[in-house]
Structures are given as structure tokens and as C-alpha cells.
Amino acid sequence: MLKGRHLIDPMDFTTYELDEIFSLAEKIIEDEDRFKDACRGKLLATLFYEPSTRTRFSFEAAMLRLGGSVIGFSEPNSSSVAKGESIRDTIRTISCYADIAVMRHPKEGAPKLASMYSSIPVINAGDGGHQHPTQTLTDLLTIKCLKGQFSNLTIGLCGDLKFGRTVHSLIKAMSRYENNRFILISPKELRVPDYIRKEVLDKKGIEYVEVEKLEEVIGELDILYMTRIQRERFFNEEEYLRLKDSYILDMEKVNRAKEDMIIMHPLPRVNEIDYEVDEDKRACYFKQAKYGMYVRMALIMKLLGVEENA
């Protein structure tokens, strides 16, 4: 049972527990109306200490579509944080009002700290460059629905592999399944961190290659996961400007890919995918955003233990 649990790291749940969430998400996709009162009377608190559009809106939409309600803040200056309130005091207070909390914070480890002082489930909605577990659940549900499997896949990850928390989490998650191969596509400056390479890929004996040119490997891929070069993670503006246009996916590159390859992106997109690609059947990033709402609906239900009410 997942009732009362926290989700701080994508690896907090076993693959069996993840399958429970995905199975429920698929039921919701099939018949959303059946679940419209599942969380009636329940309250979600959204504690967003840094800007977010998709993650915050998808959590709010998820709770509202389940018949629940939402309170919270979208930036800390509109809360008592501006007065210097600590995370532990904030979460203890919120625990008095809400049934479940979602937190995004620029500081790594902040949601973990909150979970240690919370009497309600805490979901990490992103902490700095560290973890973004519900994006990982979104990515996995997308792969399950569109590829039908988690094993025997060649996965290309392209762009900012150094600072991209979604990339690190997806590598960890997909490394739990059999016979997956990774092609890591980035400039030398933005390669996957050593700890991912050594502690995940090398340690598990997972096949991977690091390359710099997308067009040379796109034909091998079952999944292409594009990422933006994240301005907010750079300390040096000059370095960001030099690297920001390193990879732009256009139809010339897409036409080299398999017919059944899927193109994913955690969004927001800047200019790394041409708008013309949106019309190609392989472009799945807006479907992915919708799957994100459904998987968050399933997660909320599981953590609140209300599945039986649906």
C-alpha cells in the first residue's frame, strides 16, 4: 500500500508499486468520469518556492478533476516564507489544513526535509537540479502507453545532460528494466555527471555511448528525449549563450528516424524542437504533458488511499 507515503526520489517506489500507479492511471485515461469524485472533500497544498507552469497546473488540474480542492502559493513572497518562516514550520502548519502537499524548491533536499516534519504525504515537484520524480512518472507512463514496454529499448537523451534533473531520473528509472541501451547526446561540457555514469550505468553493466551529433544516431533510437539548455542552471551567461543552440531537432533529422520512434520533451521548449516537428506523428511531448496530469491523479489517489472510493 502506498497510502501515507512520501514521494521524494523516483526510486522511492518499487517497480511493482510503480505498476500499481500506472495501472490506475490507465483506468483513469479509459474512463475519467468514473473518478470525478474520488477525492471529494480532500485538500491538496501546493508549495511552490520557484516558478512552474506545467507541474503546478497539472497537479492542480489533477486534484480538481478528482473532485478535491487546492490551496497554496506559486511563489514564496506571497507566503510567510517572506517573513523568514522555516520549511519545517511551514509544512507542520500546512499539515494542519491539507491532506497532501506538493513542494517545488530551488534547494536540493528541501522536500526531503519537509517530509521529515510532515504528518501528511509530501510529493517532491522538483528540488533544484536534483530530483523531479513526478516528471519521471510522467515519462514512464508515456513510454508504457506509447511503446507498450519498459525493456529492450534504445533511448537517446539529447541536450543538457549535466544539469537536466529529468534526464538523471529517467536514466535511473529505465536502468531498472532489462536490456535497455542509452545513447547520450550532448556537448562535452554538458555530459551526464560522473555519478550517473559510474553509480548507475557502469555499476549495472548497462550499455551506453556518449556522442555529440544527433543526426548520426537518430536512426537507432526507439525514444528520443530532448531537453532544453537551462539558462537558470548556468552561473556564466557567456557559457549559456555559447551552448544554447547546440541541438535543434528539425524535420531533416526526424526523417532519418524510425517510423515508430517517439519524441519526448519535459517542456518548456525554447527552440530545441522546430515547430514543424509538432505535426509529425512521432512528436509526443504534448501527449506526454497530458499523461503527466493522469499519472498525478493516480499518485494522489494512491497516497491518499482513496482508490476504493472511485
C-alpha atoms as a PDB file:
ATOM      1  CA  MET A   1       0.000   0.000   0.000  1.00  0.00           C
ATOM      2  CA  LEU A   2       1.181   3.490  -0.871  1.00  0.00           C
ATOM      3  CA  LYS A   3      -1.235   5.269   1.478  1.00  0.00           C
ATOM      4  CA  GLY A   4       0.545   7.858   3.632  1.00  0.00           C
ATOM      5  CA  ARG A   5       3.871   7.517   1.811  1.00  0.00           C
ATOM      6  CA  HIS A   6       6.040  10.379   0.531  1.00  0.00           C
ATOM      7  CA  LEU A   7       7.488  10.601  -2.984  1.00  0.00           C
ATOM      8  CA  ILE A   8      10.833  12.389  -2.806  1.00  0.00           C
ATOM      9  CA  ASP A   9      13.028  10.353  -5.145  1.00  0.00           C
ATOM     10  CA  PRO A  10      11.910   8.426  -8.248  1.00  0.00           C
ATOM     11  CA  MET A  11      13.497   5.330  -6.709  1.00  0.00           C
ATOM     12  CA  ASP A  12      11.342   5.530  -3.548  1.00  0.00           C
ATOM     13  CA  PHE A  13       8.834   3.120  -5.081  1.00  0.00           C
ATOM     14  CA  THR A  14       9.490  -0.402  -6.317  1.00  0.00           C
ATOM     15  CA  THR A  15       8.726  -1.299  -9.929  1.00  0.00           C
ATOM     16  CA  TYR A  16       5.707  -3.227  -8.603  1.00  0.00           C
ATOM     17  CA  GLU A  17       4.435  -0.098  -6.812  1.00  0.00           C
ATOM     18  CA  LEU A  18       5.026   1.950  -9.956  1.00  0.00           C
ATOM     19  CA  ASP A  19       2.995  -0.578 -11.931  1.00  0.00           C
ATOM     20  CA  GLU A  20       0.124  -0.041  -9.466  1.00  0.00           C
ATOM     21  CA  ILE A  21       0.207   3.694 -10.194  1.00  0.00           C
ATOM     22  CA  PHE A  22       0.412   3.187 -13.971  1.00  0.00           C
ATOM     23  CA  SER A  23      -2.414   0.661 -13.912  1.00  0.00           C
ATOM     24  CA  LEU A  24      -4.641   3.148 -12.075  1.00  0.00           C
ATOM     25  CA  ALA A  25      -3.587   5.954 -14.446  1.00  0.00           C
ATOM     26  CA  GLU A  26      -4.627   3.818 -17.426  1.00  0.00           C
ATOM     27  CA  LYS A  27      -8.026   3.204 -15.811  1.00  0.00           C
ATOM     28  CA  ILE A  28      -8.435   6.968 -15.375  1.00  0.00           C
ATOM     29  CA  ILE A  29      -7.493   7.550 -19.037  1.00  0.00           C
ATOM     30  CA  GLU A  30     -10.088   4.991 -20.126  1.00  0.00           C
ATOM     31  CA  ASP A  31     -12.934   6.474 -18.052  1.00  0.00           C
ATOM     32  CA  GLU A  32     -12.083   9.764 -16.357  1.00  0.00           C
ATOM     33  CA  ASP A  33     -15.696  10.417 -15.311  1.00  0.00           C
ATOM     34  CA  ARG A  34     -15.602   7.377 -13.035  1.00  0.00           C
ATOM     35  CA  PHE A  35     -13.043   9.154 -10.845  1.00  0.00           C
ATOM     36  CA  LYS A  36     -14.517  12.656 -10.720  1.00  0.00           C
ATOM     37  CA  ASP A  37     -15.495  12.344  -7.039  1.00  0.00           C
ATOM     38  CA  ALA A  38     -12.598  10.147  -5.871  1.00  0.00           C
ATOM     39  CA  CYS A  39     -11.022  12.942  -3.782  1.00  0.00           C
ATOM     40  CA  ARG A  40     -14.176  14.838  -2.838  1.00  0.00           C
ATOM     41  CA  GLY A  41     -13.501  16.580   0.487  1.00  0.00           C
ATOM     42  CA  LYS A  42      -9.707  16.226   0.191  1.00  0.00           C
ATOM     43  CA  LEU A  43      -7.333  19.198   0.071  1.00  0.00           C
ATOM     44  CA  LEU A  44      -4.038  19.481  -1.840  1.00  0.00           C
ATOM     45  CA  ALA A  45      -1.489  22.131  -0.748  1.00  0.00           C
ATOM     46  CA  THR A  46       0.861  23.382  -3.477  1.00  0.00           C
ATOM     47  CA  LEU A  47       4.066  24.884  -2.049  1.00  0.00           C
ATOM     48  CA  PHE A  48       5.984  26.307  -4.999  1.00  0.00           C
ATOM     49  CA  TYR A  49       9.135  28.174  -3.981  1.00  0.00           C
ATOM     50  CA  GLU A  50      10.213  28.652  -7.619  1.00  0.00           C
ATOM     51  CA  PRO A  51       8.281  29.259 -10.870  1.00  0.00           C
ATOM     52  CA  SER A  52       6.430  26.442 -12.583  1.00  0.00           C
ATOM     53  CA  THR A  53       3.664  26.235 -15.145  1.00  0.00           C
ATOM     54  CA  ARG A  54       3.144  22.628 -16.215  1.00  0.00           C
ATOM     55  CA  THR A  55       3.970  20.930 -12.927  1.00  0.00           C
ATOM     56  CA  ARG A  56       1.835  23.225 -10.778  1.00  0.00           C
ATOM     57  CA  PHE A  57      -1.079  23.347 -13.205  1.00  0.00           C
ATOM     58  CA  SER A  58      -1.025  19.593 -13.774  1.00  0.00           C
ATOM     59  CA  PHE A  59      -1.141  18.912 -10.019  1.00  0.00           C
ATOM     60  CA  GLU A  60      -3.956  21.423  -9.546  1.00  0.00           C
ATOM     61  CA  ALA A  61      -5.857  20.047 -12.549  1.00  0.00           C
ATOM     62  CA  ALA A  62      -5.319  16.501 -11.258  1.00  0.00           C
ATOM     63  CA  MET A  63      -6.794  17.276  -7.836  1.00  0.00           C
ATOM     64  CA  LEU A  64      -9.686  19.311  -9.228  1.00  0.00           C
ATOM     65  CA  ARG A  65     -10.560  16.585 -11.749  1.00  0.00           C
ATOM     66  CA  LEU A  66     -10.691  14.144  -8.834  1.00  0.00           C
ATOM     67  CA  GLY A  67     -13.230  16.378  -7.089  1.00  0.00           C
ATOM     68  CA  GLY A  68     -10.785  17.707  -4.494  1.00  0.00           C
ATOM     69  CA  SER A  69      -9.693  21.268  -3.676  1.00  0.00           C
ATOM     70  CA  VAL A  70      -6.381  23.137  -3.840  1.00  0.00           C
ATOM     71  CA  ILE A  71      -4.701  25.755  -1.637  1.00  0.00           C
ATOM     72  CA  GLY A  72      -1.137  27.052  -1.757  1.00  0.00           C
ATOM     73  CA  PHE A  73       1.282  29.583  -3.181  1.00  0.00           C
ATOM     74  CA  SER A  74       3.020  29.860  -6.549  1.00  0.00           C
ATOM     75  CA  GLU A  75       5.959  31.923  -5.305  1.00  0.00           C
ATOM     76  CA  PRO A  76       7.306  32.302  -1.774  1.00  0.00           C
ATOM     77  CA  ASN A  77       6.907  36.078  -1.437  1.00  0.00           C
ATOM     78  CA  SER A  78       3.148  35.536  -1.182  1.00  0.00           C
ATOM     79  CA  SER A  79       3.577  33.348   1.922  1.00  0.00           C
ATOM     80  CA  SER A  80       5.122  33.552   5.383  1.00  0.00           C
ATOM     81  CA  VAL A  81       8.378  32.378   3.820  1.00  0.00           C
ATOM     82  CA  ALA A  82       8.916  36.079   3.039  1.00  0.00           C
ATOM     83  CA  LYS A  83       8.933  36.642   6.807  1.00  0.00           C
ATOM     84  CA  GLY A  84      11.621  34.028   7.316  1.00  0.00           C
ATOM     85  CA  GLU A  85       9.494  31.009   8.228  1.00  0.00           C
ATOM     86  CA  SER A  86      11.402  27.719   8.049  1.00  0.00           C
ATOM     87  CA  ILE A  87      10.392  24.790   5.863  1.00  0.00           C
ATOM     88  CA  ARG A  88       9.744  22.620   8.905  1.00  0.00           C
ATOM     89  CA  ASP A  89       7.352  25.182  10.408  1.00  0.00           C
ATOM     90  CA  THR A  90       5.627  25.752   7.061  1.00  0.00           C
ATOM     91  CA  ILE A  91       4.979  22.049   6.498  1.00  0.00           C
ATOM     92  CA  ARG A  92       3.857  21.488  10.100  1.00  0.00           C
ATOM     93  CA  THR A  93       1.337  24.283   9.663  1.00  0.00           C
ATOM     94  CA  ILE A  94       0.170  23.086   6.247  1.00  0.00           C
ATOM     95  CA  SER A  95      -0.257  19.578   7.722  1.00  0.00           C
ATOM     96  CA  CYS A  96      -2.974  21.038   9.968  1.00  0.00           C
ATOM     97  CA  TYR A  97      -5.003  22.172   6.952  1.00  0.00           C
ATOM     98  CA  ALA A  98      -4.354  19.887   3.973  1.00  0.00           C
ATOM     99  CA  ASP A  99      -4.434  16.146   3.295  1.00  0.00           C
ATOM    100  CA  ILE A 100      -1.442  16.051   0.928  1.00  0.00           C
ATOM    101  CA  ALA A 101       1.280  18.532  -0.107  1.00  0.00           C
ATOM    102  CA  VAL A 102       3.304  19.129  -3.261  1.00  0.00           C
ATOM    103  CA  MET A 103       6.566  21.074  -2.969  1.00  0.00           C
ATOM    104  CA  ARG A 104       8.916  22.599  -5.528  1.00  0.00           C
ATOM    105  CA  HIS A 105      12.035  24.242  -4.163  1.00  0.00           C
ATOM    106  CA  PRO A 106      15.283  25.580  -5.670  1.00  0.00           C
ATOM    107  CA  LYS A 107      17.347  23.993  -2.876  1.00  0.00           C
ATOM    108  CA  GLU A 108      18.233  20.310  -3.178  1.00  0.00           C
ATOM    109  CA  GLY A 109      16.863  18.259  -0.307  1.00  0.00           C
ATOM    110  CA  ALA A 110      14.165  20.739   0.755  1.00  0.00           C
ATOM    111  CA  PRO A 111      11.205  18.388   0.051  1.00  0.00           C
ATOM    112  CA  LYS A 112      13.052  15.603   1.883  1.00  0.00           C
ATOM    113  CA  LEU A 113      13.428  17.870   4.898  1.00  0.00           C
ATOM    114  CA  ALA A 114       9.734  18.770   4.704  1.00  0.00           C
ATOM    115  CA  SER A 115       8.749  15.089   4.635  1.00  0.00           C
ATOM    116  CA  MET A 116      10.618  14.517   7.910  1.00  0.00           C
ATOM    117  CA  TYR A 117       8.337  17.002   9.722  1.00  0.00           C
ATOM    118  CA  SER A 118       5.085  16.386   7.861  1.00  0.00           C
ATOM    119  CA  SER A 119       2.115  14.381   9.074  1.00  0.00           C
ATOM    120  CA  ILE A 120       0.680  14.268   5.524  1.00  0.00           C
ATOM    121  CA  PRO A 121       2.196  12.825   2.306  1.00  0.00           C
ATOM    122  CA  VAL A 122       4.733  15.125   0.632  1.00  0.00           C
ATOM    123  CA  ILE A 123       5.399  14.938  -3.106  1.00  0.00           C
ATOM    124  CA  ASN A 124       8.615  16.418  -4.465  1.00  0.00           C
ATOM    125  CA  ALA A 125       7.734  18.513  -7.521  1.00  0.00           C
ATOM    126  CA  GLY A 126      11.396  19.334  -8.203  1.00  0.00           C
ATOM    127  CA  ASP A 127      14.286  20.371  -5.970  1.00  0.00           C
ATOM    128  CA  GLY A 128      16.975  22.349  -7.745  1.00  0.00           C
ATOM    129  CA  GLY A 129      18.957  20.234 -10.194  1.00  0.00           C
ATOM    130  CA  HIS A 130      18.370  17.176  -8.049  1.00  0.00           C
ATOM    131  CA  GLN A 131      15.118  15.217  -8.452  1.00  0.00           C
ATOM    132  CA  HIS A 132      11.799  15.579 -10.241  1.00  0.00           C
ATOM    133  CA  PRO A 133      10.063  12.270  -9.529  1.00  0.00           C
ATOM    134  CA  THR A 134       6.613  13.052 -10.915  1.00  0.00           C
ATOM    135  CA  GLN A 135       8.190  14.035 -14.230  1.00  0.00           C
ATOM    136  CA  THR A 136       9.802  10.597 -14.184  1.00  0.00           C
ATOM    137  CA  LEU A 137       6.395   9.006 -13.552  1.00  0.00           C
ATOM    138  CA  THR A 138       5.062  11.083 -16.459  1.00  0.00           C
ATOM    139  CA  ASP A 139       7.868   9.885 -18.709  1.00  0.00           C
ATOM    140  CA  LEU A 140       7.358   6.250 -17.723  1.00  0.00           C
ATOM    141  CA  LEU A 141       3.600   6.354 -18.267  1.00  0.00           C
ATOM    142  CA  THR A 142       4.197   7.932 -21.690  1.00  0.00           C
ATOM    143  CA  ILE A 143       6.613   5.152 -22.608  1.00  0.00           C
ATOM    144  CA  LYS A 144       4.217   2.480 -21.308  1.00  0.00           C
ATOM    145  CA  CYS A 145       1.244   3.865 -23.233  1.00  0.00           C
ATOM    146  CA  LEU A 146       3.081   4.609 -26.488  1.00  0.00           C
ATOM    147  CA  LYS A 147       5.738   1.880 -26.654  1.00  0.00           C
ATOM    148  CA  GLY A 148       3.939  -0.791 -24.622  1.00  0.00           C
ATOM    149  CA  GLN A 149       7.068  -1.868 -22.739  1.00  0.00           C
ATOM    150  CA  PHE A 150       9.895  -0.707 -20.494  1.00  0.00           C
ATOM    151  CA  SER A 151      12.516  -3.184 -21.741  1.00  0.00           C
ATOM    152  CA  ASN A 152      14.563  -3.774 -24.904  1.00  0.00           C
ATOM    153  CA  LEU A 153      14.621  -0.098 -25.891  1.00  0.00           C
ATOM    154  CA  THR A 154      17.300   2.210 -27.286  1.00  0.00           C
ATOM    155  CA  ILE A 155      16.850   5.557 -25.561  1.00  0.00           C
ATOM    156  CA  GLY A 156      18.519   8.716 -26.820  1.00  0.00           C
ATOM    157  CA  LEU A 157      18.834  11.597 -24.364  1.00  0.00           C
ATOM    158  CA  CYS A 158      19.806  14.858 -26.036  1.00  0.00           C
ATOM    159  CA  GLY A 159      20.834  18.326 -24.872  1.00  0.00           C
ATOM    160  CA  ASP A 160      21.634  19.307 -21.302  1.00  0.00           C
ATOM    161  CA  LEU A 161      22.552  16.010 -19.670  1.00  0.00           C
ATOM    162  CA  LYS A 162      24.614  17.656 -16.917  1.00  0.00           C
ATOM    163  CA  PHE A 163      22.001  19.864 -15.234  1.00  0.00           C
ATOM    164  CA  GLY A 164      18.862  18.131 -16.514  1.00  0.00           C
ATOM    165  CA  ARG A 165      17.263  16.504 -13.470  1.00  0.00           C
ATOM    166  CA  THR A 166      14.649  14.814 -15.670  1.00  0.00           C
ATOM    167  CA  VAL A 167      17.435  13.079 -17.589  1.00  0.00           C
ATOM    168  CA  HIS A 168      19.164  11.792 -14.454  1.00  0.00           C
ATOM    169  CA  SER A 169      15.907  10.474 -13.045  1.00  0.00           C
ATOM    170  CA  LEU A 170      14.877   8.788 -16.298  1.00  0.00           C
ATOM    171  CA  ILE A 171      18.239   7.044 -16.641  1.00  0.00           C
ATOM    172  CA  LYS A 172      17.897   5.705 -13.095  1.00  0.00           C
ATOM    173  CA  ALA A 173      14.312   4.597 -13.697  1.00  0.00           C
ATOM    174  CA  MET A 174      14.865   2.900 -17.057  1.00  0.00           C
ATOM    175  CA  SER A 175      18.012   1.212 -15.721  1.00  0.00           C
ATOM    176  CA  ARG A 176      15.737  -0.923 -13.540  1.00  0.00           C
ATOM    177  CA  TYR A 177      14.342  -2.676 -16.610  1.00  0.00           C
ATOM    178  CA  GLU A 178      16.030  -5.288 -18.787  1.00  0.00           C
ATOM    179  CA  ASN A 179      18.129  -4.803 -21.905  1.00  0.00           C
ATOM    180  CA  ASN A 180      17.822  -1.045 -22.346  1.00  0.00           C
ATOM    181  CA  ARG A 181      20.578   0.858 -24.122  1.00  0.00           C
ATOM    182  CA  PHE A 182      21.312   4.568 -23.768  1.00  0.00           C
ATOM    183  CA  ILE A 183      22.762   6.955 -26.330  1.00  0.00           C
ATOM    184  CA  LEU A 184      23.826  10.147 -24.540  1.00  0.00           C
ATOM    185  CA  ILE A 185      23.938  13.090 -26.950  1.00  0.00           C
ATOM    186  CA  SER A 186      25.467  16.338 -25.682  1.00  0.00           C
ATOM    187  CA  PRO A 187      28.404  18.722 -25.974  1.00  0.00           C
ATOM    188  CA  LYS A 188      31.373  17.708 -23.808  1.00  0.00           C
ATOM    189  CA  GLU A 189      30.545  20.493 -21.326  1.00  0.00           C
ATOM    190  CA  LEU A 190      27.040  19.121 -20.687  1.00  0.00           C
ATOM    191  CA  ARG A 191      27.692  15.396 -20.423  1.00  0.00           C
ATOM    192  CA  VAL A 192      25.957  13.201 -17.854  1.00  0.00           C
ATOM    193  CA  PRO A 193      27.586  13.641 -14.408  1.00  0.00           C
ATOM    194  CA  ASP A 194      30.148  11.054 -13.310  1.00  0.00           C
ATOM    195  CA  TYR A 195      27.933   9.745 -10.528  1.00  0.00           C
ATOM    196  CA  ILE A 196      25.213   8.740 -13.019  1.00  0.00           C
ATOM    197  CA  ARG A 197      27.774   7.110 -15.270  1.00  0.00           C
ATOM    198  CA  LYS A 198      29.587   5.251 -12.503  1.00  0.00           C
ATOM    199  CA  GLU A 199      26.876   4.510  -9.933  1.00  0.00           C
ATOM    200  CA  VAL A 200      24.052   3.661 -12.339  1.00  0.00           C
ATOM    201  CA  LEU A 201      25.248   2.743 -15.828  1.00  0.00           C
ATOM    202  CA  ASP A 202      28.683   1.235 -15.145  1.00  0.00           C
ATOM    203  CA  LYS A 203      27.651  -0.407 -11.882  1.00  0.00           C
ATOM    204  CA  LYS A 204      24.727  -2.212 -13.538  1.00  0.00           C
ATOM    205  CA  GLY A 205      26.670  -3.061 -16.697  1.00  0.00           C
ATOM    206  CA  ILE A 206      24.219  -1.111 -18.871  1.00  0.00           C
ATOM    207  CA  GLU A 207      25.250  -0.405 -22.445  1.00  0.00           C
ATOM    208  CA  TYR A 208      25.668   3.263 -23.327  1.00  0.00           C
ATOM    209  CA  VAL A 209      27.607   5.532 -25.648  1.00  0.00           C
ATOM    210  CA  GLU A 210      28.318   9.266 -25.480  1.00  0.00           C
ATOM    211  CA  VAL A 211      28.183  11.184 -28.760  1.00  0.00           C
ATOM    212  CA  GLU A 212      27.997  14.782 -29.894  1.00  0.00           C
ATOM    213  CA  LYS A 213      25.990  14.576 -33.122  1.00  0.00           C
ATOM    214  CA  LEU A 214      22.291  13.708 -33.010  1.00  0.00           C
ATOM    215  CA  GLU A 215      21.954  13.117 -36.747  1.00  0.00           C
ATOM    216  CA  GLU A 216      24.498  10.289 -36.620  1.00  0.00           C
ATOM    217  CA  VAL A 217      22.496   8.188 -34.135  1.00  0.00           C
ATOM    218  CA  ILE A 218      18.843   9.190 -34.510  1.00  0.00           C
ATOM    219  CA  GLY A 219      18.148   6.227 -36.798  1.00  0.00           C
ATOM    220  CA  GLU A 220      18.949   3.787 -33.964  1.00  0.00           C
ATOM    221  CA  LEU A 221      16.517   5.231 -31.431  1.00  0.00           C
ATOM    222  CA  ASP A 222      13.185   3.933 -30.144  1.00  0.00           C
ATOM    223  CA  ILE A 223      12.838   7.013 -27.921  1.00  0.00           C
ATOM    224  CA  LEU A 224      14.380  10.459 -28.362  1.00  0.00           C
ATOM    225  CA  TYR A 225      14.215  12.531 -25.174  1.00  0.00           C
ATOM    226  CA  MET A 226      15.004  16.159 -25.975  1.00  0.00           C
ATOM    227  CA  THR A 227      15.883  18.717 -23.295  1.00  0.00           C
ATOM    228  CA  ARG A 228      16.440  22.464 -23.305  1.00  0.00           C
ATOM    229  CA  ILE A 229      19.714  24.075 -22.313  1.00  0.00           C
ATOM    230  CA  GLN A 230      18.633  25.515 -18.958  1.00  0.00           C
ATOM    231  CA  ARG A 231      19.665  29.140 -18.562  1.00  0.00           C
ATOM    232  CA  GLU A 232      18.738  29.109 -14.853  1.00  0.00           C
ATOM    233  CA  ARG A 233      21.297  26.369 -14.065  1.00  0.00           C
ATOM    234  CA  PHE A 234      24.256  28.316 -15.534  1.00  0.00           C
ATOM    235  CA  PHE A 235      26.481  30.617 -13.498  1.00  0.00           C
ATOM    236  CA  ASN A 236      28.093  32.019 -16.641  1.00  0.00           C
ATOM    237  CA  GLU A 237      25.861  33.788 -19.187  1.00  0.00           C
ATOM    238  CA  GLU A 238      28.565  33.590 -21.861  1.00  0.00           C
ATOM    239  CA  GLU A 239      28.779  29.818 -21.468  1.00  0.00           C
ATOM    240  CA  TYR A 240      24.977  29.510 -21.743  1.00  0.00           C
ATOM    241  CA  LEU A 241      24.847  31.609 -24.927  1.00  0.00           C
ATOM    242  CA  ARG A 242      27.615  29.501 -26.466  1.00  0.00           C
ATOM    243  CA  LEU A 243      25.826  26.209 -25.818  1.00  0.00           C
ATOM    244  CA  LYS A 244      22.117  27.094 -26.007  1.00  0.00           C
ATOM    245  CA  ASP A 245      21.669  26.258 -29.694  1.00  0.00           C
ATOM    246  CA  SER A 246      23.781  23.090 -29.658  1.00  0.00           C
ATOM    247  CA  TYR A 247      20.885  20.838 -30.632  1.00  0.00           C
ATOM    248  CA  ILE A 248      17.852  21.796 -32.678  1.00  0.00           C
ATOM    249  CA  LEU A 249      15.587  18.973 -33.836  1.00  0.00           C
ATOM    250  CA  ASP A 250      14.141  19.679 -37.284  1.00  0.00           C
ATOM    251  CA  MET A 251      12.361  17.564 -39.884  1.00  0.00           C
ATOM    252  CA  GLU A 252      15.598  16.878 -41.737  1.00  0.00           C
ATOM    253  CA  LYS A 253      16.816  14.980 -38.652  1.00  0.00           C
ATOM    254  CA  VAL A 254      13.409  13.460 -37.837  1.00  0.00           C
ATOM    255  CA  ASN A 255      13.197  11.987 -41.358  1.00  0.00           C
ATOM    256  CA  ARG A 256      16.249   9.860 -40.532  1.00  0.00           C
ATOM    257  CA  ALA A 257      14.451   8.264 -37.580  1.00  0.00           C
ATOM    258  CA  LYS A 258      12.402   5.069 -37.321  1.00  0.00           C
ATOM    259  CA  GLU A 259       8.719   5.423 -38.166  1.00  0.00           C
ATOM    260  CA  ASP A 260       7.749   4.294 -34.657  1.00  0.00           C
ATOM    261  CA  MET A 261      10.292   6.353 -32.709  1.00  0.00           C
ATOM    262  CA  ILE A 262       8.676   8.677 -30.174  1.00  0.00           C
ATOM    263  CA  ILE A 263       9.953  12.187 -29.436  1.00  0.00           C
ATOM    264  CA  MET A 264       9.611  13.249 -25.805  1.00  0.00           C
ATOM    265  CA  HIS A 265      10.415  16.515 -24.032  1.00  0.00           C
ATOM    266  CA  PRO A 266       9.691  17.526 -20.400  1.00  0.00           C
ATOM    267  CA  LEU A 267       8.846  21.099 -21.554  1.00  0.00           C
ATOM    268  CA  PRO A 268       9.090  24.047 -21.598  1.00  0.00           C
ATOM    269  CA  ARG A 269      10.593  24.090 -25.075  1.00  0.00           C
ATOM    270  CA  VAL A 270      12.668  27.081 -26.131  1.00  0.00           C
ATOM    271  CA  ASN A 271      13.993  26.464 -29.642  1.00  0.00           C
ATOM    272  CA  GLU A 272      15.399  22.933 -29.452  1.00  0.00           C
ATOM    273  CA  ILE A 273      12.479  21.427 -31.398  1.00  0.00           C
ATOM    274  CA  ASP A 274      11.262  23.183 -34.560  1.00  0.00           C
ATOM    275  CA  TYR A 275       7.523  23.861 -34.578  1.00  0.00           C
ATOM    276  CA  GLU A 276       7.236  21.913 -37.848  1.00  0.00           C
ATOM    277  CA  VAL A 277       8.105  18.739 -35.917  1.00  0.00           C
ATOM    278  CA  ASP A 278       4.906  19.152 -33.838  1.00  0.00           C
ATOM    279  CA  GLU A 279       2.826  17.870 -36.766  1.00  0.00           C
ATOM    280  CA  ASP A 280       4.842  14.657 -37.139  1.00  0.00           C
ATOM    281  CA  LYS A 281       3.230  11.531 -35.659  1.00  0.00           C
ATOM    282  CA  ARG A 282       6.422  10.825 -33.709  1.00  0.00           C
ATOM    283  CA  ALA A 283       6.085  14.057 -31.703  1.00  0.00           C
ATOM    284  CA  CYS A 284       4.591  13.050 -28.344  1.00  0.00           C
ATOM    285  CA  TYR A 285       5.549  15.846 -25.950  1.00  0.00           C
ATOM    286  CA  PHE A 286       2.082  17.362 -25.647  1.00  0.00           C
ATOM    287  CA  LYS A 287       0.577  13.900 -25.130  1.00  0.00           C
ATOM    288  CA  GLN A 288       3.304  13.479 -22.513  1.00  0.00           C
ATOM    289  CA  ALA A 289       2.086  16.624 -20.720  1.00  0.00           C
ATOM    290  CA  LYS A 290      -1.437  15.184 -20.591  1.00  0.00           C
ATOM    291  CA  TYR A 291      -0.154  11.835 -19.317  1.00  0.00           C
ATOM    292  CA  GLY A 292       1.504  13.895 -16.570  1.00  0.00           C
ATOM    293  CA  MET A 293      -1.886  15.003 -15.308  1.00  0.00           C
ATOM    294  CA  TYR A 294      -3.248  11.447 -15.352  1.00  0.00           C
ATOM    295  CA  VAL A 295      -0.268   9.953 -13.531  1.00  0.00           C
ATOM    296  CA  ARG A 296      -0.512  12.683 -10.879  1.00  0.00           C
ATOM    297  CA  MET A 297      -4.214  11.883 -10.453  1.00  0.00           C
ATOM    298  CA  ALA A 298      -3.276   8.240  -9.854  1.00  0.00           C
ATOM    299  CA  LEU A 299      -0.439   9.192  -7.491  1.00  0.00           C
ATOM    300  CA  ILE A 300      -2.648  11.483  -5.390  1.00  0.00           C
ATOM    301  CA  MET A 301      -5.256   8.745  -5.084  1.00  0.00           C
ATOM    302  CA  LYS A 302      -2.683   6.133  -4.087  1.00  0.00           C
ATOM    303  CA  LEU A 303      -1.004   8.324  -1.453  1.00  0.00           C
ATOM    304  CA  LEU A 304      -4.392   9.276  -0.005  1.00  0.00           C
ATOM    305  CA  GLY A 305      -5.598   5.691  -0.127  1.00  0.00           C
ATOM    306  CA  VAL A 306      -8.860   6.609  -1.880  1.00  0.00           C
ATOM    307  CA  GLU A 307      -8.742   4.228  -4.843  1.00  0.00           C
ATOM    308  CA  GLU A 308     -11.564   2.159  -3.415  1.00  0.00           C
ATOM    309  CA  ASN A 309     -13.876   5.194  -3.466  1.00  0.00           C
ATOM    310  CA  ALA A 310     -13.666   5.524  -7.227  1.00  0.00           C
END
